[in-house]
Amino acid sequence: MEFNEVIIRYIDVRRLGKLYYLKESEEDNFTGIDKLGMEYYDEKLNKATLKSMLLNYKKTIKDALLDQSLIAGIGNIYADEILFSI
């Protein structure tokens, strides 16, 4: 696709992704990015922050690690590695 001399290419052989086109003034109510938690590499993520996040969490630790609304960017393999290292 070409938009004002900008070329956008998207390749997803697994066909799992989505591509959204928003106008510059349009609010992003589509992607869910506003529902993501802090990034796993955020300096503010420490033991105290994690403890407060999990204080009332009623699921397993692995479910908590995979919950993107708590900590974004941890997938199944990384969750397994984290739990193995504990």
PDB file of N, CA and C in Angstrom:
ATOM      1  N   MET A   1       0.831  -1.171   0.000  1.00  0.00           N
ATOM      2  CA  MET A   1       0.000   0.000   0.000  1.00  0.00           C
ATOM      3  C   MET A   1       0.879   1.238   0.000  1.00  0.00           C
ATOM      4  N   GLU A   2       0.407   2.244  -0.627  1.00  0.00           N
ATOM      5  CA  GLU A   2       1.137   3.504  -0.622  1.00  0.00           C
ATOM      6  C   GLU A   2       0.228   4.623  -0.140  1.00  0.00           C
ATOM      7  N   PHE A   3       0.699   5.360   0.837  1.00  0.00           N
ATOM      8  CA  PHE A   3      -0.013   6.495   1.389  1.00  0.00           C
ATOM      9  C   PHE A   3       0.942   7.676   1.418  1.00  0.00           C
ATOM     10  N   ASN A   4       0.676   8.659   0.606  1.00  0.00           N
ATOM     11  CA  ASN A   4       1.517   9.861   0.596  1.00  0.00           C
ATOM     12  C   ASN A   4       3.002   9.515   0.560  1.00  0.00           C
ATOM     13  N   GLU A   5       3.383   8.686  -0.378  1.00  0.00           N
ATOM     14  CA  GLU A   5       4.773   8.287  -0.581  1.00  0.00           C
ATOM     15  C   GLU A   5       5.333   7.416   0.537  1.00  0.00           C
ATOM     16  N   VAL A   6       4.481   6.842   1.360  1.00  0.00           N
ATOM     17  CA  VAL A   6       4.913   5.905   2.403  1.00  0.00           C
ATOM     18  C   VAL A   6       4.443   4.513   2.003  1.00  0.00           C
ATOM     19  N   ILE A   7       5.336   3.566   2.055  1.00  0.00           N
ATOM     20  CA  ILE A   7       4.989   2.189   1.709  1.00  0.00           C
ATOM     21  C   ILE A   7       4.877   1.378   2.990  1.00  0.00           C
ATOM     22  N   ILE A   8       3.777   0.664   3.133  1.00  0.00           N
ATOM     23  CA  ILE A   8       3.564  -0.193   4.296  1.00  0.00           C
ATOM     24  C   ILE A   8       3.533  -1.636   3.820  1.00  0.00           C
ATOM     25  N   ARG A   9       4.389  -2.461   4.413  1.00  0.00           N
ATOM     26  CA  ARG A   9       4.398  -3.888   4.081  1.00  0.00           C
ATOM     27  C   ARG A   9       4.230  -4.670   5.368  1.00  0.00           C
ATOM     28  N   TYR A  10       3.370  -5.654   5.329  1.00  0.00           N
ATOM     29  CA  TYR A  10       3.113  -6.482   6.499  1.00  0.00           C
ATOM     30  C   TYR A  10       3.111  -7.934   6.063  1.00  0.00           C
ATOM     31  N   ILE A  11       3.975  -8.721   6.670  1.00  0.00           N
ATOM     32  CA  ILE A  11       4.056 -10.134   6.322  1.00  0.00           C
ATOM     33  C   ILE A  11       3.891 -10.942   7.603  1.00  0.00           C
ATOM     34  N   ASP A  12       2.909 -11.811   7.612  1.00  0.00           N
ATOM     35  CA  ASP A  12       2.690 -12.692   8.751  1.00  0.00           C
ATOM     36  C   ASP A  12       2.311 -14.057   8.199  1.00  0.00           C
ATOM     37  N   VAL A  13       3.296 -14.926   8.064  1.00  0.00           N
ATOM     38  CA  VAL A  13       3.051 -16.234   7.456  1.00  0.00           C
ATOM     39  C   VAL A  13       2.103 -17.094   8.290  1.00  0.00           C
ATOM     40  N   ARG A  14       2.014 -16.807   9.581  1.00  0.00           N
ATOM     41  CA  ARG A  14       1.111 -17.575  10.444  1.00  0.00           C
ATOM     42  C   ARG A  14      -0.321 -17.066  10.355  1.00  0.00           C
ATOM     43  N   ARG A  15      -0.503 -15.863   9.817  1.00  0.00           N
ATOM     44  CA  ARG A  15      -1.809 -15.226   9.643  1.00  0.00           C
ATOM     45  C   ARG A  15      -2.512 -14.975  10.977  1.00  0.00           C
ATOM     46  N   LEU A  16      -1.738 -14.544  11.966  1.00  0.00           N
ATOM     47  CA  LEU A  16      -2.301 -14.274  13.287  1.00  0.00           C
ATOM     48  C   LEU A  16      -2.447 -12.785  13.570  1.00  0.00           C
ATOM     49  N   GLY A  17      -1.788 -11.966  12.811  1.00  0.00           N
ATOM     50  CA  GLY A  17      -1.739 -10.539  13.107  1.00  0.00           C
ATOM     51  C   GLY A  17      -2.880  -9.754  12.496  1.00  0.00           C
ATOM     52  N   LYS A  18      -2.970  -8.523  12.926  1.00  0.00           N
ATOM     53  CA  LYS A  18      -3.945  -7.586  12.383  1.00  0.00           C
ATOM     54  C   LYS A  18      -3.231  -6.279  12.112  1.00  0.00           C
ATOM     55  N   LEU A  19      -3.714  -5.559  11.146  1.00  0.00           N
ATOM     56  CA  LEU A  19      -3.153  -4.271  10.806  1.00  0.00           C
ATOM     57  C   LEU A  19      -4.272  -3.246  10.874  1.00  0.00           C
ATOM     58  N   TYR A  20      -4.038  -2.189  11.629  1.00  0.00           N
ATOM     59  CA  TYR A  20      -5.037  -1.130  11.788  1.00  0.00           C
ATOM     60  C   TYR A  20      -4.501   0.130  11.142  1.00  0.00           C
ATOM     61  N   TYR A  21      -5.364   0.821  10.448  1.00  0.00           N
ATOM     62  CA  TYR A  21      -4.999   2.107   9.854  1.00  0.00           C
ATOM     63  C   TYR A  21      -5.848   3.170  10.528  1.00  0.00           C
ATOM     64  N   LEU A  22      -5.205   4.060  11.239  1.00  0.00           N
ATOM     65  CA  LEU A  22      -5.908   5.136  11.934  1.00  0.00           C
ATOM     66  C   LEU A  22      -5.460   6.468  11.376  1.00  0.00           C
ATOM     67  N   LYS A  23      -6.397   7.369  11.291  1.00  0.00           N
ATOM     68  CA  LYS A  23      -6.045   8.724  10.892  1.00  0.00           C
ATOM     69  C   LYS A  23      -5.271   9.371  12.046  1.00  0.00           C
ATOM     70  N   GLU A  24      -4.491  10.372  11.745  1.00  0.00           N
ATOM     71  CA  GLU A  24      -3.648  11.017  12.748  1.00  0.00           C
ATOM     72  C   GLU A  24      -4.459  11.553  13.924  1.00  0.00           C
ATOM     73  N   SER A  25      -5.649  12.028  13.671  1.00  0.00           N
ATOM     74  CA  SER A  25      -6.487  12.599  14.731  1.00  0.00           C
ATOM     75  C   SER A  25      -7.394  11.565  15.395  1.00  0.00           C
ATOM     76  N   GLU A  26      -7.405  10.345  14.880  1.00  0.00           N
ATOM     77  CA  GLU A  26      -8.314   9.317  15.380  1.00  0.00           C
ATOM     78  C   GLU A  26      -7.750   8.639  16.627  1.00  0.00           C
ATOM     79  N   GLU A  27      -8.596   8.450  17.616  1.00  0.00           N
ATOM     80  CA  GLU A  27      -8.188   7.796  18.854  1.00  0.00           C
ATOM     81  C   GLU A  27      -8.096   6.291  18.646  1.00  0.00           C
ATOM     82  N   ASP A  28      -7.110   5.655  19.251  1.00  0.00           N
ATOM     83  CA  ASP A  28      -6.901   4.212  19.109  1.00  0.00           C
ATOM     84  C   ASP A  28      -7.799   3.460  20.091  1.00  0.00           C
ATOM     85  N   ASN A  29      -8.952   3.040  19.625  1.00  0.00           N
ATOM     86  CA  ASN A  29      -9.872   2.221  20.417  1.00  0.00           C
ATOM     87  C   ASN A  29      -9.929   0.800  19.885  1.00  0.00           C
ATOM     88  N   PHE A  30      -8.986   0.427  19.044  1.00  0.00           N
ATOM     89  CA  PHE A  30      -9.058  -0.834  18.334  1.00  0.00           C
ATOM     90  C   PHE A  30      -8.030  -1.861  18.791  1.00  0.00           C
ATOM     91  N   THR A  31      -6.809  -1.414  19.020  1.00  0.00           N
ATOM     92  CA  THR A  31      -5.703  -2.357  19.215  1.00  0.00           C
ATOM     93  C   THR A  31      -5.607  -2.933  20.620  1.00  0.00           C
ATOM     94  N   GLY A  32      -6.134  -2.246  21.611  1.00  0.00           N
ATOM     95  CA  GLY A  32      -6.021  -2.720  22.985  1.00  0.00           C
ATOM     96  C   GLY A  32      -4.721  -2.334  23.661  1.00  0.00           C
ATOM     97  N   ILE A  33      -3.916  -1.502  23.029  1.00  0.00           N
ATOM     98  CA  ILE A  33      -2.618  -1.117  23.584  1.00  0.00           C
ATOM     99  C   ILE A  33      -2.772  -0.382  24.915  1.00  0.00           C
ATOM    100  N   ASP A  34      -3.916   0.270  25.105  1.00  0.00           N
ATOM    101  CA  ASP A  34      -4.149   1.006  26.353  1.00  0.00           C
ATOM    102  C   ASP A  34      -4.415   0.074  27.534  1.00  0.00           C
ATOM    103  N   LYS A  35      -4.637  -1.214  27.255  1.00  0.00           N
ATOM    104  CA  LYS A  35      -4.921  -2.182  28.317  1.00  0.00           C
ATOM    105  C   LYS A  35      -3.680  -2.967  28.742  1.00  0.00           C
ATOM    106  N   LEU A  36      -2.542  -2.682  28.104  1.00  0.00           N
ATOM    107  CA  LEU A  36      -1.317  -3.401  28.440  1.00  0.00           C
ATOM    108  C   LEU A  36      -0.711  -2.876  29.734  1.00  0.00           C
ATOM    109  N   GLY A  37      -0.134  -3.775  30.494  1.00  0.00           N
ATOM    110  CA  GLY A  37       0.559  -3.388  31.720  1.00  0.00           C
ATOM    111  C   GLY A  37       1.940  -2.854  31.407  1.00  0.00           C
ATOM    112  N   MET A  38       2.736  -2.668  32.443  1.00  0.00           N
ATOM    113  CA  MET A  38       4.091  -2.159  32.236  1.00  0.00           C
ATOM    114  C   MET A  38       4.943  -3.201  31.522  1.00  0.00           C
ATOM    115  N   GLU A  39       5.939  -2.715  30.816  1.00  0.00           N
ATOM    116  CA  GLU A  39       6.843  -3.605  30.093  1.00  0.00           C
ATOM    117  C   GLU A  39       7.726  -4.359  31.085  1.00  0.00           C
ATOM    118  N   TYR A  40       8.123  -5.563  30.726  1.00  0.00           N
ATOM    119  CA  TYR A  40       8.946  -6.387  31.615  1.00  0.00           C
ATOM    120  C   TYR A  40      10.292  -5.749  31.914  1.00  0.00           C
ATOM    121  N   TYR A  41      10.765  -4.864  31.065  1.00  0.00           N
ATOM    122  CA  TYR A  41      12.061  -4.221  31.268  1.00  0.00           C
ATOM    123  C   TYR A  41      11.947  -2.842  31.925  1.00  0.00           C
ATOM    124  N   ASP A  42      10.753  -2.452  32.329  1.00  0.00           N
ATOM    125  CA  ASP A  42      10.541  -1.143  32.955  1.00  0.00           C
ATOM    126  C   ASP A  42      11.294  -1.077  34.291  1.00  0.00           C
ATOM    127  N   GLU A  43      12.003   0.009  34.502  1.00  0.00           N
ATOM    128  CA  GLU A  43      12.784   0.174  35.736  1.00  0.00           C
ATOM    129  C   GLU A  43      11.895   0.213  36.979  1.00  0.00           C
ATOM    130  N   LYS A  44      10.628   0.602  36.806  1.00  0.00           N
ATOM    131  CA  LYS A  44       9.703   0.671  37.938  1.00  0.00           C
ATOM    132  C   LYS A  44       9.211  -0.706  38.369  1.00  0.00           C
ATOM    133  N   LEU A  45       9.450  -1.723  37.545  1.00  0.00           N
ATOM    134  CA  LEU A  45       9.047  -3.086  37.898  1.00  0.00           C
ATOM    135  C   LEU A  45      10.106  -3.694  38.807  1.00  0.00           C
ATOM    136  N   ASN A  46       9.779  -3.814  40.080  1.00  0.00           N
ATOM    137  CA  ASN A  46      10.688  -4.395  41.060  1.00  0.00           C
ATOM    138  C   ASN A  46       9.892  -5.337  41.964  1.00  0.00           C
ATOM    139  N   LYS A  47      10.522  -5.860  42.987  1.00  0.00           N
ATOM    140  CA  LYS A  47       9.840  -6.813  43.876  1.00  0.00           C
ATOM    141  C   LYS A  47       8.607  -6.213  44.528  1.00  0.00           C
ATOM    142  N   ALA A  48       8.711  -4.982  45.001  1.00  0.00           N
ATOM    143  CA  ALA A  48       7.588  -4.336  45.684  1.00  0.00           C
ATOM    144  C   ALA A  48       6.407  -4.122  44.731  1.00  0.00           C
ATOM    145  N   THR A  49       6.708  -3.667  43.512  1.00  0.00           N
ATOM    146  CA  THR A  49       5.647  -3.446  42.522  1.00  0.00           C
ATOM    147  C   THR A  49       4.983  -4.762  42.154  1.00  0.00           C
ATOM    148  N   LEU A  50       5.786  -5.772  41.918  1.00  0.00           N
ATOM    149  CA  LEU A  50       5.255  -7.091  41.566  1.00  0.00           C
ATOM    150  C   LEU A  50       4.411  -7.659  42.698  1.00  0.00           C
ATOM    151  N   LYS A  51       4.875  -7.492  43.914  1.00  0.00           N
ATOM    152  CA  LYS A  51       4.122  -7.978  45.068  1.00  0.00           C
ATOM    153  C   LYS A  51       2.756  -7.290  45.157  1.00  0.00           C
ATOM    154  N   SER A  52       2.732  -5.983  44.946  1.00  0.00           N
ATOM    155  CA  SER A  52       1.454  -5.264  45.014  1.00  0.00           C
ATOM    156  C   SER A  52       0.522  -5.680  43.875  1.00  0.00           C
ATOM    157  N   MET A  53       1.078  -5.991  42.702  1.00  0.00           N
ATOM    158  CA  MET A  53       0.262  -6.461  41.578  1.00  0.00           C
ATOM    159  C   MET A  53      -0.383  -7.804  41.881  1.00  0.00           C
ATOM    160  N   LEU A  54       0.383  -8.676  42.550  1.00  0.00           N
ATOM    161  CA  LEU A  54      -0.070 -10.050  42.758  1.00  0.00           C
ATOM    162  C   LEU A  54      -0.803 -10.252  44.078  1.00  0.00           C
ATOM    163  N   LEU A  55      -0.901  -9.224  44.886  1.00  0.00           N
ATOM    164  CA  LEU A  55      -1.495  -9.340  46.212  1.00  0.00           C
ATOM    165  C   LEU A  55      -2.896  -9.936  46.182  1.00  0.00           C
ATOM    166  N   ASN A  56      -3.732  -9.486  45.281  1.00  0.00           N
ATOM    167  CA  ASN A  56      -5.104  -9.989  45.195  1.00  0.00           C
ATOM    168  C   ASN A  56      -5.352 -10.814  43.934  1.00  0.00           C
ATOM    169  N   TYR A  57      -4.285 -11.248  43.278  1.00  0.00           N
ATOM    170  CA  TYR A  57      -4.405 -12.042  42.062  1.00  0.00           C
ATOM    171  C   TYR A  57      -4.764 -13.472  42.457  1.00  0.00           C
ATOM    172  N   LYS A  58      -5.822 -14.012  41.901  1.00  0.00           N
ATOM    173  CA  LYS A  58      -6.352 -15.303  42.339  1.00  0.00           C
ATOM    174  C   LYS A  58      -6.005 -16.474  41.419  1.00  0.00           C
ATOM    175  N   LYS A  59      -5.090 -16.275  40.490  1.00  0.00           N
ATOM    176  CA  LYS A  59      -4.719 -17.351  39.575  1.00  0.00           C
ATOM    177  C   LYS A  59      -3.299 -17.804  39.866  1.00  0.00           C
ATOM    178  N   THR A  60      -2.795 -18.719  39.058  1.00  0.00           N
ATOM    179  CA  THR A  60      -1.446 -19.239  39.260  1.00  0.00           C
ATOM    180  C   THR A  60      -0.398 -18.193  38.883  1.00  0.00           C
ATOM    181  N   ILE A  61       0.822 -18.417  39.328  1.00  0.00           N
ATOM    182  CA  ILE A  61       1.925 -17.512  39.001  1.00  0.00           C
ATOM    183  C   ILE A  61       2.126 -17.453  37.489  1.00  0.00           C
ATOM    184  N   LYS A  62       2.053 -18.590  36.820  1.00  0.00           N
ATOM    185  CA  LYS A  62       2.243 -18.593  35.371  1.00  0.00           C
ATOM    186  C   LYS A  62       1.160 -17.767  34.688  1.00  0.00           C
ATOM    187  N   ASP A  63      -0.079 -17.907  35.128  1.00  0.00           N
ATOM    188  CA  ASP A  63      -1.165 -17.082  34.571  1.00  0.00           C
ATOM    189  C   ASP A  63      -0.880 -15.598  34.782  1.00  0.00           C
ATOM    190  N   ALA A  64      -0.337 -15.259  35.933  1.00  0.00           N
ATOM    191  CA  ALA A  64      -0.001 -13.864  36.216  1.00  0.00           C
ATOM    192  C   ALA A  64       1.097 -13.371  35.277  1.00  0.00           C
ATOM    193  N   LEU A  65       2.112 -14.202  35.039  1.00  0.00           N
ATOM    194  CA  LEU A  65       3.191 -13.817  34.133  1.00  0.00           C
ATOM    195  C   LEU A  65       2.691 -13.642  32.705  1.00  0.00           C
ATOM    196  N   LEU A  66       1.707 -14.428  32.315  1.00  0.00           N
ATOM    197  CA  LEU A  66       1.169 -14.355  30.959  1.00  0.00           C
ATOM    198  C   LEU A  66       0.105 -13.277  30.792  1.00  0.00           C
ATOM    199  N   ASP A  67      -0.379 -12.739  31.897  1.00  0.00           N
ATOM    200  CA  ASP A  67      -1.420 -11.710  31.850  1.00  0.00           C
ATOM    201  C   ASP A  67      -0.808 -10.400  31.362  1.00  0.00           C
ATOM    202  N   GLN A  68      -1.100 -10.043  30.118  1.00  0.00           N
ATOM    203  CA  GLN A  68      -0.502  -8.862  29.498  1.00  0.00           C
ATOM    204  C   GLN A  68      -0.980  -7.552  30.122  1.00  0.00           C
ATOM    205  N   SER A  69      -2.069  -7.605  30.888  1.00  0.00           N
ATOM    206  CA  SER A  69      -2.530  -6.388  31.559  1.00  0.00           C
ATOM    207  C   SER A  69      -1.710  -6.098  32.815  1.00  0.00           C
ATOM    208  N   LEU A  70      -0.983  -7.082  33.308  1.00  0.00           N
ATOM    209  CA  LEU A  70      -0.072  -6.877  34.439  1.00  0.00           C
ATOM    210  C   LEU A  70       1.318  -6.495  33.948  1.00  0.00           C
ATOM    211  N   ILE A  71       1.913  -7.408  33.176  1.00  0.00           N
ATOM    212  CA  ILE A  71       3.251  -7.189  32.624  1.00  0.00           C
ATOM    213  C   ILE A  71       3.190  -7.557  31.144  1.00  0.00           C
ATOM    214  N   ALA A  72       3.472  -6.606  30.292  1.00  0.00           N
ATOM    215  CA  ALA A  72       3.409  -6.834  28.849  1.00  0.00           C
ATOM    216  C   ALA A  72       4.716  -7.427  28.335  1.00  0.00           C
ATOM    217  N   GLY A  73       4.612  -8.338  27.395  1.00  0.00           N
ATOM    218  CA  GLY A  73       5.793  -8.826  26.704  1.00  0.00           C
ATOM    219  C   GLY A  73       6.330 -10.160  27.156  1.00  0.00           C
ATOM    220  N   ILE A  74       5.715 -10.787  28.141  1.00  0.00           N
ATOM    221  CA  ILE A  74       6.164 -12.105  28.580  1.00  0.00           C
ATOM    222  C   ILE A  74       5.253 -13.144  27.939  1.00  0.00           C
ATOM    223  N   GLY A  75       5.840 -14.000  27.127  1.00  0.00           N
ATOM    224  CA  GLY A  75       5.097 -15.072  26.482  1.00  0.00           C
ATOM    225  C   GLY A  75       5.304 -16.389  27.208  1.00  0.00           C
ATOM    226  N   ASN A  76       4.764 -17.446  26.642  1.00  0.00           N
ATOM    227  CA  ASN A  76       4.790 -18.760  27.276  1.00  0.00           C
ATOM    228  C   ASN A  76       6.209 -19.265  27.542  1.00  0.00           C
ATOM    229  N   ILE A  77       7.079 -19.146  26.564  1.00  0.00           N
ATOM    230  CA  ILE A  77       8.447 -19.655  26.737  1.00  0.00           C
ATOM    231  C   ILE A  77       9.172 -18.885  27.830  1.00  0.00           C
ATOM    232  N   TYR A  78       9.053 -17.537  27.819  1.00  0.00           N
ATOM    233  CA  TYR A  78       9.714 -16.741  28.859  1.00  0.00           C
ATOM    234  C   TYR A  78       9.116 -17.016  30.228  1.00  0.00           C
ATOM    235  N   ALA A  79       7.809 -17.222  30.303  1.00  0.00           N
ATOM    236  CA  ALA A  79       7.180 -17.546  31.585  1.00  0.00           C
ATOM    237  C   ALA A  79       7.742 -18.851  32.123  1.00  0.00           C
ATOM    238  N   ASP A  80       7.879 -19.845  31.244  1.00  0.00           N
ATOM    239  CA  ASP A  80       8.456 -21.126  31.663  1.00  0.00           C
ATOM    240  C   ASP A  80       9.886 -20.950  32.156  1.00  0.00           C
ATOM    241  N   GLU A  81      10.682 -20.161  31.457  1.00  0.00           N
ATOM    242  CA  GLU A  81      12.076 -19.923  31.847  1.00  0.00           C
ATOM    243  C   GLU A  81      12.155 -19.199  33.199  1.00  0.00           C
ATOM    244  N   ILE A  82      11.275 -18.228  33.402  1.00  0.00           N
ATOM    245  CA  ILE A  82      11.243 -17.505  34.686  1.00  0.00           C
ATOM    246  C   ILE A  82      10.932 -18.468  35.812  1.00  0.00           C
ATOM    247  N   LEU A  83       9.917 -19.291  35.623  1.00  0.00           N
ATOM    248  CA  LEU A  83       9.526 -20.228  36.676  1.00  0.00           C
ATOM    249  C   LEU A  83      10.596 -21.295  36.905  1.00  0.00           C
ATOM    250  N   PHE A  84      11.286 -21.719  35.856  1.00  0.00           N
ATOM    251  CA  PHE A  84      12.356 -22.707  36.005  1.00  0.00           C
ATOM    252  C   PHE A  84      13.517 -22.137  36.798  1.00  0.00           C
ATOM    253  N   SER A  85      13.767 -20.838  36.633  1.00  0.00           N
ATOM    254  CA  SER A  85      14.918 -20.225  37.307  1.00  0.00           C
ATOM    255  C   SER A  85      14.675 -19.933  38.779  1.00  0.00           C
ATOM    256  N   ILE A  86      13.422 -19.997  39.212  1.00  0.00           N
ATOM    257  CA  ILE A  86      13.105 -19.702  40.618  1.00  0.00           C
ATOM    258  C   ILE A  86      13.507 -20.856  41.506  1.00  0.00           C
TER     259      ILE A  86
END
